[in-house]
Amino acid sequence: MALAVASGDDAEEAAFIHAIDLARVSRLAPPEERRALTGKALTALAAFSEAYPLSIRAATAGVIINRL
C-alpha cells in the first residue's frame, strides 16, 4: 500500500498505527501463523521506538513489545 504523508506528525501516527495493527493481528492469528506475525509486529514496534524515541507512543510500544 502506498502512503502519502503530509507531515512528520502524520508519519509518526501512520507508523504507530501500522505497528499496533501488526501487534493486534499477531495476537488474533491462528497458532501456526502467530510466530511470523509476532516477529513482524516486534520489528515494526522496535523501528517505531527507534525512529521516535521522544514520543509518548514509544513508551507504549515498549509495553506492547513486552506483552507479545
Protein backbone atom coordinates (compact mmCIF):
# COMPACT_ATOMS: atom_id res chain seq x y z
CA MET A 1 0.00 0.00 0.00
CA ALA A 2 1.35 3.38 -0.94
CA LEU A 3 1.05 6.04 1.72
CA ALA A 4 1.47 9.75 1.10
CA VAL A 5 2.45 11.52 4.29
CA ALA A 6 1.91 15.26 4.64
CA SER A 7 4.00 15.96 7.74
CA GLY A 8 6.29 14.44 10.34
CA ASP A 9 3.39 14.11 12.78
CA ASP A 10 1.41 12.24 10.16
CA ALA A 11 4.36 9.93 9.53
CA GLU A 12 4.67 9.20 13.23
CA GLU A 13 0.97 8.44 13.55
CA ALA A 14 0.96 6.21 10.48
CA ALA A 15 3.99 4.24 11.68
CA PHE A 16 2.45 3.75 15.11
CA ILE A 17 -0.91 2.63 13.74
CA HIS A 18 0.85 0.20 11.39
CA ALA A 19 2.84 -1.30 14.27
CA ILE A 20 -0.22 -1.56 16.50
CA ASP A 21 -2.23 -3.19 13.74
CA LEU A 22 0.51 -5.80 13.27
CA ALA A 23 0.54 -6.48 17.01
CA ARG A 24 -3.23 -6.89 17.04
CA VAL A 25 -3.18 -9.23 14.04
CA SER A 26 -0.44 -11.34 15.63
CA ARG A 27 -2.47 -11.78 18.82
CA LEU A 28 -5.57 -12.83 16.85
CA ALA A 29 -3.78 -15.08 14.36
CA PRO A 30 -4.07 -18.85 14.33
CA PRO A 31 -1.22 -20.55 16.22
CA GLU A 32 0.57 -21.67 13.05
CA GLU A 33 0.82 -18.05 11.82
CA ARG A 34 1.39 -16.33 15.15
CA ARG A 35 5.19 -16.62 15.30
CA ALA A 36 5.80 -14.98 11.93
CA LEU A 37 3.27 -12.23 12.56
CA THR A 38 4.64 -11.57 16.04
CA GLY A 39 8.10 -11.15 14.52
CA LYS A 40 6.75 -8.56 12.08
CA ALA A 41 4.96 -6.73 14.90
CA LEU A 42 8.07 -6.69 17.08
CA THR A 43 10.15 -5.36 14.20
CA ALA A 44 7.65 -2.58 13.46
CA LEU A 45 7.33 -1.61 17.13
CA ALA A 46 11.10 -1.55 17.61
CA ALA A 47 11.55 0.52 14.43
CA PHE A 48 8.94 2.96 15.68
CA SER A 49 10.65 3.28 19.05
CA GLU A 50 13.98 3.97 17.34
CA ALA A 51 12.52 6.49 14.91
CA TYR A 52 10.52 8.40 17.54
CA PRO A 53 12.31 7.88 20.88
CA LEU A 54 10.85 11.04 22.46
CA SER A 55 7.27 10.17 21.58
CA ILE A 56 4.92 9.00 24.32
CA ARG A 57 3.89 6.36 21.80
CA ALA A 58 7.41 4.90 22.00
CA ALA A 59 6.78 4.12 25.67
CA THR A 60 3.51 2.47 24.70
CA ALA A 61 5.31 0.48 22.01
CA GLY A 62 7.69 -0.82 24.68
CA VAL A 63 4.78 -2.05 26.78
CA ILE A 64 3.24 -3.79 23.77
CA ILE A 65 6.58 -5.43 22.93
CA ASN A 66 6.72 -6.87 26.44
CA ARG A 67 3.19 -8.26 26.09
CA LEU A 68 3.82 -10.03 22.78
